[in-house]
Amino acid sequence: MLDISRIGRQALASEPFGWAFVDRLFSFGDAAALAASFPRDHFKTVAGYDGEKSYEYVARSLVHMGAHVPSFAEHLSPAWKHLASDLLSSAYRAAMTRLTGRDLATAPMEINVVHYGTGAWLGPHLDLKEKIVTHVLYFNESWKKENGGYLSILRSADPSDIVSEIMPIVGNSVVLARSDASWHAVSRVSEGCRRSRRSMNVIFHLPGSVSTIWPPGRTAELHDYTGI
């Protein structure tokens, strides 16, 4: 399902921080199956301002922090079960280690899928220090520039200080190695956009970290995603 070999063959850019664009991760048929069956169940609304960034989107766990099986697997399509299995494999973890140069052998991993609906965004920010490496994958079959919703690689906290913008098309992905310079953002999805921007975040954490989206001891109110 996931062409893991493409990840291991990529080179990490050094400017403005360690990051890589990795595309063509799926065959044509697998890409179509994943896009068509992107999860719509067990989402929570995530919105607010944490002192650094403003944000608004809905998220679903695909793999809870440190787990070895998918979350709510009975609701996943065969394609998504296969993808989850690939992401949980030692081969994927080894490829991400080769690409980033970060030791991910014992790093707890969590995976969340995200719908950014009309008006959703993620302001310029640095990831928390507990997040060693993040791999963002995209699942829209088509996307127009005027829809917004691009991931922006930034030189600074200024949202206009853009180095690169990544279109959220299925098969595209970005790897971010966390540093004190790893500024990035997601531009607001336009009011005229008919479909949600669909992505998945694979996050490798420092040992002992807890999930910020799914903190232990808190029960989230979950719902289906009802947008287009």
C-alpha atoms as a PDB file:
ATOM      1  CA  MET A   1       0.000   0.000   0.000  1.00  0.00           C
ATOM      2  CA  LEU A   2       2.480   2.656   1.190  1.00  0.00           C
ATOM      3  CA  ASP A   3       5.633   2.902  -0.954  1.00  0.00           C
ATOM      4  CA  ILE A   4       7.994   2.987   2.009  1.00  0.00           C
ATOM      5  CA  SER A   5      11.058   2.817  -0.230  1.00  0.00           C
ATOM      6  CA  ARG A   6      10.348   6.344  -1.534  1.00  0.00           C
ATOM      7  CA  ILE A   7      10.634   7.716   1.995  1.00  0.00           C
ATOM      8  CA  GLY A   8      14.024   6.159   2.645  1.00  0.00           C
ATOM      9  CA  ARG A   9      15.388   7.447  -0.683  1.00  0.00           C
ATOM     10  CA  GLN A  10      14.479  11.089  -0.057  1.00  0.00           C
ATOM     11  CA  ALA A  11      16.916  13.722   1.209  1.00  0.00           C
ATOM     12  CA  LEU A  12      16.066  16.106   4.020  1.00  0.00           C
ATOM     13  CA  ALA A  13      16.310  19.805   3.141  1.00  0.00           C
ATOM     14  CA  SER A  14      18.281  21.939   5.599  1.00  0.00           C
ATOM     15  CA  GLU A  15      16.657  25.310   4.868  1.00  0.00           C
ATOM     16  CA  PRO A  16      14.860  26.841   6.598  1.00  0.00           C
ATOM     17  CA  PHE A  17      14.858  23.678   8.765  1.00  0.00           C
ATOM     18  CA  GLY A  18      14.892  19.917   8.288  1.00  0.00           C
ATOM     19  CA  TRP A  19      11.958  18.955   6.071  1.00  0.00           C
ATOM     20  CA  ALA A  20      11.189  16.854   2.996  1.00  0.00           C
ATOM     21  CA  PHE A  21       8.472  16.628   0.364  1.00  0.00           C
ATOM     22  CA  VAL A  22       7.675  12.994  -0.479  1.00  0.00           C
ATOM     23  CA  ASP A  23       5.163  12.281  -3.244  1.00  0.00           C
ATOM     24  CA  ARG A  24       3.799   9.296  -5.220  1.00  0.00           C
ATOM     25  CA  LEU A  25       3.429   7.234  -2.065  1.00  0.00           C
ATOM     26  CA  PHE A  26       0.572   5.108  -3.455  1.00  0.00           C
ATOM     27  CA  SER A  27      -0.320   3.355  -6.681  1.00  0.00           C
ATOM     28  CA  PHE A  28      -3.133   4.935  -8.705  1.00  0.00           C
ATOM     29  CA  GLY A  29      -5.626   2.325  -7.517  1.00  0.00           C
ATOM     30  CA  ASP A  30      -4.620   2.522  -3.863  1.00  0.00           C
ATOM     31  CA  ALA A  31      -4.697   6.330  -3.940  1.00  0.00           C
ATOM     32  CA  ALA A  32      -8.244   6.261  -5.308  1.00  0.00           C
ATOM     33  CA  ALA A  33      -9.373   3.723  -2.693  1.00  0.00           C
ATOM     34  CA  LEU A  34      -7.885   5.724   0.190  1.00  0.00           C
ATOM     35  CA  ALA A  35      -9.359   9.013  -1.017  1.00  0.00           C
ATOM     36  CA  ALA A  36     -12.805   7.482  -1.549  1.00  0.00           C
ATOM     37  CA  SER A  37     -12.924   5.867   1.905  1.00  0.00           C
ATOM     38  CA  PHE A  38     -11.299   8.580   4.044  1.00  0.00           C
ATOM     39  CA  PRO A  39     -12.721   8.071   7.567  1.00  0.00           C
ATOM     40  CA  ARG A  40     -15.852   9.981   8.606  1.00  0.00           C
ATOM     41  CA  ASP A  41     -16.493   8.433  12.053  1.00  0.00           C
ATOM     42  CA  HIS A  42     -15.378   9.177  15.640  1.00  0.00           C
ATOM     43  CA  PHE A  43     -14.155  12.743  15.166  1.00  0.00           C
ATOM     44  CA  LYS A  44     -13.750  15.460  17.776  1.00  0.00           C
ATOM     45  CA  THR A  45     -13.696  19.208  17.194  1.00  0.00           C
ATOM     46  CA  VAL A  46     -10.325  20.818  17.950  1.00  0.00           C
ATOM     47  CA  ALA A  47     -10.379  24.617  18.161  1.00  0.00           C
ATOM     48  CA  GLY A  48      -8.858  27.443  20.174  1.00  0.00           C
ATOM     49  CA  TYR A  49      -5.711  29.445  20.813  1.00  0.00           C
ATOM     50  CA  ASP A  50      -2.816  27.988  22.809  1.00  0.00           C
ATOM     51  CA  GLY A  51      -0.753  31.149  23.200  1.00  0.00           C
ATOM     52  CA  GLU A  52       1.177  30.588  19.978  1.00  0.00           C
ATOM     53  CA  LYS A  53      -1.238  29.494  17.265  1.00  0.00           C
ATOM     54  CA  SER A  54      -4.941  29.633  16.519  1.00  0.00           C
ATOM     55  CA  TYR A  55      -6.575  26.550  15.039  1.00  0.00           C
ATOM     56  CA  GLU A  56      -9.837  24.887  14.075  1.00  0.00           C
ATOM     57  CA  TYR A  57     -10.415  21.421  12.564  1.00  0.00           C
ATOM     58  CA  VAL A  58     -11.863  17.995  13.409  1.00  0.00           C
ATOM     59  CA  ALA A  59      -9.643  14.988  14.172  1.00  0.00           C
ATOM     60  CA  ARG A  60      -9.998  11.221  14.526  1.00  0.00           C
ATOM     61  CA  SER A  61      -7.505   8.796  16.004  1.00  0.00           C
ATOM     62  CA  LEU A  62      -6.168   6.214  13.561  1.00  0.00           C
ATOM     63  CA  VAL A  63      -3.625   4.866  16.070  1.00  0.00           C
ATOM     64  CA  HIS A  64      -3.612   6.034  19.684  1.00  0.00           C
ATOM     65  CA  MET A  65      -0.307   7.029  21.278  1.00  0.00           C
ATOM     66  CA  GLY A  66       1.902   3.959  21.636  1.00  0.00           C
ATOM     67  CA  ALA A  67      -0.791   1.535  20.425  1.00  0.00           C
ATOM     68  CA  HIS A  68      -0.067  -1.302  18.010  1.00  0.00           C
ATOM     69  CA  VAL A  69      -3.510  -1.626  16.427  1.00  0.00           C
ATOM     70  CA  PRO A  70      -5.791   0.886  14.660  1.00  0.00           C
ATOM     71  CA  SER A  71      -8.489   2.785  16.548  1.00  0.00           C
ATOM     72  CA  PHE A  72     -12.117   1.893  15.714  1.00  0.00           C
ATOM     73  CA  ALA A  73     -10.809  -0.592  13.151  1.00  0.00           C
ATOM     74  CA  GLU A  74     -14.279  -1.967  12.460  1.00  0.00           C
ATOM     75  CA  HIS A  75     -15.156   1.364  10.827  1.00  0.00           C
ATOM     76  CA  LEU A  76     -12.127   1.442   8.515  1.00  0.00           C
ATOM     77  CA  SER A  77     -12.148   0.342   4.884  1.00  0.00           C
ATOM     78  CA  PRO A  78      -9.765  -2.457   3.820  1.00  0.00           C
ATOM     79  CA  ALA A  79      -7.524   0.179   2.213  1.00  0.00           C
ATOM     80  CA  TRP A  80      -7.261   2.155   5.447  1.00  0.00           C
ATOM     81  CA  LYS A  81      -6.628  -0.963   7.523  1.00  0.00           C
ATOM     82  CA  HIS A  82      -3.781  -1.823   5.159  1.00  0.00           C
ATOM     83  CA  LEU A  83      -2.339   1.686   5.377  1.00  0.00           C
ATOM     84  CA  ALA A  84      -2.490   1.612   9.180  1.00  0.00           C
ATOM     85  CA  SER A  85      -0.626  -1.707   9.157  1.00  0.00           C
ATOM     86  CA  ASP A  86       2.099  -0.231   6.930  1.00  0.00           C
ATOM     87  CA  LEU A  87       2.504   2.787   9.207  1.00  0.00           C
ATOM     88  CA  LEU A  88       2.832   0.515  12.240  1.00  0.00           C
ATOM     89  CA  SER A  89       5.556  -1.554  10.562  1.00  0.00           C
ATOM     90  CA  SER A  90       9.224  -1.581  11.504  1.00  0.00           C
ATOM     91  CA  ALA A  91      10.071  -0.848   7.850  1.00  0.00           C
ATOM     92  CA  TYR A  92       8.214   2.480   7.943  1.00  0.00           C
ATOM     93  CA  ARG A  93       9.869   3.482  11.217  1.00  0.00           C
ATOM     94  CA  ALA A  94      13.298   2.566   9.803  1.00  0.00           C
ATOM     95  CA  ALA A  95      12.675   4.607   6.631  1.00  0.00           C
ATOM     96  CA  MET A  96      11.666   7.642   8.682  1.00  0.00           C
ATOM     97  CA  THR A  97      14.813   7.229  10.794  1.00  0.00           C
ATOM     98  CA  ARG A  98      16.987   7.125   7.660  1.00  0.00           C
ATOM     99  CA  LEU A  99      15.335  10.207   6.195  1.00  0.00           C
ATOM    100  CA  THR A 100      15.431  12.411   9.291  1.00  0.00           C
ATOM    101  CA  GLY A 101      18.548  11.170  11.062  1.00  0.00           C
ATOM    102  CA  ARG A 102      16.498  11.055  14.267  1.00  0.00           C
ATOM    103  CA  ASP A 103      16.493   7.884  16.373  1.00  0.00           C
ATOM    104  CA  LEU A 104      12.856   6.797  16.252  1.00  0.00           C
ATOM    105  CA  ALA A 105      13.397   3.210  17.415  1.00  0.00           C
ATOM    106  CA  THR A 106      11.643   3.706  20.764  1.00  0.00           C
ATOM    107  CA  ALA A 107       9.644   6.852  19.970  1.00  0.00           C
ATOM    108  CA  PRO A 108       5.942   6.459  20.822  1.00  0.00           C
ATOM    109  CA  MET A 109       3.882   7.084  17.696  1.00  0.00           C
ATOM    110  CA  GLU A 110       0.349   8.383  17.267  1.00  0.00           C
ATOM    111  CA  ILE A 111      -1.646   8.881  14.081  1.00  0.00           C
ATOM    112  CA  ASN A 112      -4.621  11.185  13.578  1.00  0.00           C
ATOM    113  CA  VAL A 113      -6.710  11.859  10.483  1.00  0.00           C
ATOM    114  CA  VAL A 114      -8.087  15.356  10.018  1.00  0.00           C
ATOM    115  CA  HIS A 115     -10.865  17.087   8.096  1.00  0.00           C
ATOM    116  CA  TYR A 116     -10.314  20.807   7.551  1.00  0.00           C
ATOM    117  CA  GLY A 117     -13.761  22.070   6.543  1.00  0.00           C
ATOM    118  CA  THR A 118     -14.706  25.469   5.183  1.00  0.00           C
ATOM    119  CA  GLY A 119     -12.954  28.194   7.183  1.00  0.00           C
ATOM    120  CA  ALA A 120     -10.625  25.794   9.037  1.00  0.00           C
ATOM    121  CA  TRP A 121      -6.961  26.736   9.508  1.00  0.00           C
ATOM    122  CA  LEU A 122      -3.819  26.240  11.592  1.00  0.00           C
ATOM    123  CA  GLY A 123      -1.781  29.335  12.390  1.00  0.00           C
ATOM    124  CA  PRO A 124       2.036  29.629  12.180  1.00  0.00           C
ATOM    125  CA  HIS A 125       3.689  27.586  14.918  1.00  0.00           C
ATOM    126  CA  LEU A 126       6.518  25.357  16.053  1.00  0.00           C
ATOM    127  CA  ASP A 127       5.529  21.862  17.104  1.00  0.00           C
ATOM    128  CA  LEU A 128       5.922  21.023  20.778  1.00  0.00           C
ATOM    129  CA  LYS A 129       9.419  19.855  21.736  1.00  0.00           C
ATOM    130  CA  GLU A 130       7.970  16.447  22.600  1.00  0.00           C
ATOM    131  CA  LYS A 131       7.194  15.911  18.900  1.00  0.00           C
ATOM    132  CA  ILE A 132      10.432  14.675  17.322  1.00  0.00           C
ATOM    133  CA  VAL A 133       9.197  14.114  13.771  1.00  0.00           C
ATOM    134  CA  THR A 134       5.846  14.575  12.038  1.00  0.00           C
ATOM    135  CA  HIS A 135       4.819  13.051   8.700  1.00  0.00           C
ATOM    136  CA  VAL A 136       1.774  14.724   7.118  1.00  0.00           C
ATOM    137  CA  LEU A 137       0.035  12.809   4.319  1.00  0.00           C
ATOM    138  CA  TYR A 138      -2.807  14.088   2.107  1.00  0.00           C
ATOM    139  CA  PHE A 139      -5.906  12.411   0.677  1.00  0.00           C
ATOM    140  CA  ASN A 140      -7.826  14.786  -1.595  1.00  0.00           C
ATOM    141  CA  GLU A 141      -8.312  13.468  -5.142  1.00  0.00           C
ATOM    142  CA  SER A 142      -8.266  17.010  -6.522  1.00  0.00           C
ATOM    143  CA  TRP A 143      -7.635  20.503  -5.172  1.00  0.00           C
ATOM    144  CA  LYS A 144      -7.638  24.068  -6.505  1.00  0.00           C
ATOM    145  CA  LYS A 145      -5.209  26.757  -5.387  1.00  0.00           C
ATOM    146  CA  GLU A 146      -8.076  29.121  -4.615  1.00  0.00           C
ATOM    147  CA  ASN A 147      -9.365  26.590  -2.061  1.00  0.00           C
ATOM    148  CA  GLY A 148      -6.543  27.543   0.328  1.00  0.00           C
ATOM    149  CA  GLY A 149      -5.635  24.844   2.830  1.00  0.00           C
ATOM    150  CA  TYR A 150      -2.001  24.620   1.736  1.00  0.00           C
ATOM    151  CA  LEU A 151       0.700  23.562   4.178  1.00  0.00           C
ATOM    152  CA  SER A 152       3.169  26.451   4.262  1.00  0.00           C
ATOM    153  CA  ILE A 153       6.832  25.876   5.108  1.00  0.00           C
ATOM    154  CA  LEU A 154       7.901  29.165   6.731  1.00  0.00           C
ATOM    155  CA  ARG A 155      11.159  30.951   7.514  1.00  0.00           C
ATOM    156  CA  SER A 156       9.614  32.621  10.561  1.00  0.00           C
ATOM    157  CA  ALA A 157       6.366  33.147  12.462  1.00  0.00           C
ATOM    158  CA  ASP A 158       5.216  35.512   9.706  1.00  0.00           C
ATOM    159  CA  PRO A 159       2.563  33.646   7.641  1.00  0.00           C
ATOM    160  CA  SER A 160       3.691  35.478   4.498  1.00  0.00           C
ATOM    161  CA  ASP A 161       7.341  34.379   4.894  1.00  0.00           C
ATOM    162  CA  ILE A 162       6.767  31.282   2.755  1.00  0.00           C
ATOM    163  CA  VAL A 163       9.476  28.964   1.454  1.00  0.00           C
ATOM    164  CA  SER A 164       7.185  26.335  -0.045  1.00  0.00           C
ATOM    165  CA  GLU A 165       3.492  25.435  -0.221  1.00  0.00           C
ATOM    166  CA  ILE A 166       2.261  21.857  -0.488  1.00  0.00           C
ATOM    167  CA  MET A 167      -1.002  20.946  -2.203  1.00  0.00           C
ATOM    168  CA  PRO A 168      -3.110  18.391  -0.252  1.00  0.00           C
ATOM    169  CA  ILE A 169      -3.397  15.858  -3.091  1.00  0.00           C
ATOM    170  CA  VAL A 170      -3.464  12.132  -2.310  1.00  0.00           C
ATOM    171  CA  GLY A 171       0.060  10.724  -2.557  1.00  0.00           C
ATOM    172  CA  ASN A 172       1.708  13.986  -1.489  1.00  0.00           C
ATOM    173  CA  SER A 173       3.299  14.208   1.943  1.00  0.00           C
ATOM    174  CA  VAL A 174       5.665  16.316   4.027  1.00  0.00           C
ATOM    175  CA  VAL A 175       8.104  15.248   6.741  1.00  0.00           C
ATOM    176  CA  LEU A 176       8.930  17.827   9.421  1.00  0.00           C
ATOM    177  CA  ALA A 177      11.894  17.367  11.774  1.00  0.00           C
ATOM    178  CA  ARG A 178      11.093  19.492  14.804  1.00  0.00           C
ATOM    179  CA  SER A 179      13.530  22.305  15.686  1.00  0.00           C
ATOM    180  CA  ASP A 180      13.445  25.855  17.008  1.00  0.00           C
ATOM    181  CA  ALA A 181      13.175  27.008  13.373  1.00  0.00           C
ATOM    182  CA  SER A 182      10.523  24.589  12.080  1.00  0.00           C
ATOM    183  CA  TRP A 183       7.768  27.150  11.481  1.00  0.00           C
ATOM    184  CA  HIS A 184       4.792  25.982   9.441  1.00  0.00           C
ATOM    185  CA  ALA A 185       1.085  26.699   9.039  1.00  0.00           C
ATOM    186  CA  VAL A 186      -2.057  25.689   7.160  1.00  0.00           C
ATOM    187  CA  SER A 187      -3.798  28.500   5.312  1.00  0.00           C
ATOM    188  CA  ARG A 188      -7.536  28.950   5.816  1.00  0.00           C
ATOM    189  CA  VAL A 189      -9.781  26.755   3.667  1.00  0.00           C
ATOM    190  CA  SER A 190     -11.854  29.119   1.534  1.00  0.00           C
ATOM    191  CA  GLU A 191     -15.578  29.651   2.002  1.00  0.00           C
ATOM    192  CA  GLY A 192     -16.130  28.498  -1.573  1.00  0.00           C
ATOM    193  CA  CYS A 193     -14.412  25.131  -1.113  1.00  0.00           C
ATOM    194  CA  ARG A 194     -16.963  22.330  -1.533  1.00  0.00           C
ATOM    195  CA  ARG A 195     -14.937  19.506   0.028  1.00  0.00           C
ATOM    196  CA  SER A 196     -12.884  19.216   3.183  1.00  0.00           C
ATOM    197  CA  ARG A 197      -9.102  19.250   3.117  1.00  0.00           C
ATOM    198  CA  ARG A 198      -8.134  15.723   4.204  1.00  0.00           C
ATOM    199  CA  SER A 199      -4.866  14.859   5.868  1.00  0.00           C
ATOM    200  CA  MET A 200      -3.196  12.487   8.297  1.00  0.00           C
ATOM    201  CA  ASN A 201      -0.528  13.298  10.890  1.00  0.00           C
ATOM    202  CA  VAL A 202       1.923  10.588  11.923  1.00  0.00           C
ATOM    203  CA  ILE A 203       3.752  11.911  14.981  1.00  0.00           C
ATOM    204  CA  PHE A 204       6.812  10.417  16.681  1.00  0.00           C
ATOM    205  CA  HIS A 205       7.169  11.602  20.290  1.00  0.00           C
ATOM    206  CA  LEU A 206       9.823  11.623  22.959  1.00  0.00           C
ATOM    207  CA  PRO A 207       9.367   8.702  25.387  1.00  0.00           C
ATOM    208  CA  GLY A 208       7.008   9.637  28.211  1.00  0.00           C
ATOM    209  CA  SER A 209       4.997  12.122  26.147  1.00  0.00           C
ATOM    210  CA  VAL A 210       1.203  12.279  26.248  1.00  0.00           C
ATOM    211  CA  SER A 211      -1.130  13.104  23.396  1.00  0.00           C
ATOM    212  CA  THR A 212      -2.312  16.714  23.275  1.00  0.00           C
ATOM    213  CA  ILE A 213      -5.381  15.835  21.187  1.00  0.00           C
ATOM    214  CA  TRP A 214      -6.312  12.785  23.276  1.00  0.00           C
ATOM    215  CA  PRO A 215      -5.021  13.554  26.807  1.00  0.00           C
ATOM    216  CA  PRO A 216      -5.287  10.647  29.272  1.00  0.00           C
ATOM    217  CA  GLY A 217      -8.233  10.768  31.649  1.00  0.00           C
ATOM    218  CA  ARG A 218     -10.397  12.966  29.444  1.00  0.00           C
ATOM    219  CA  THR A 219     -13.412  11.677  27.573  1.00  0.00           C
ATOM    220  CA  ALA A 220     -13.957  13.387  24.242  1.00  0.00           C
ATOM    221  CA  GLU A 221     -17.365  13.937  22.651  1.00  0.00           C
ATOM    222  CA  LEU A 222     -17.106  12.163  19.307  1.00  0.00           C
ATOM    223  CA  HIS A 223     -19.225  12.610  16.202  1.00  0.00           C
ATOM    224  CA  ASP A 224     -19.338  11.691  12.540  1.00  0.00           C
ATOM    225  CA  TYR A 225     -18.005  14.162  10.008  1.00  0.00           C
ATOM    226  CA  THR A 226     -21.084  15.346   8.130  1.00  0.00           C
ATOM    227  CA  GLY A 227     -19.494  17.744   5.646  1.00  0.00           C
ATOM    228  CA  ILE A 228     -18.756  16.974   2.019  1.00  0.00           C
END
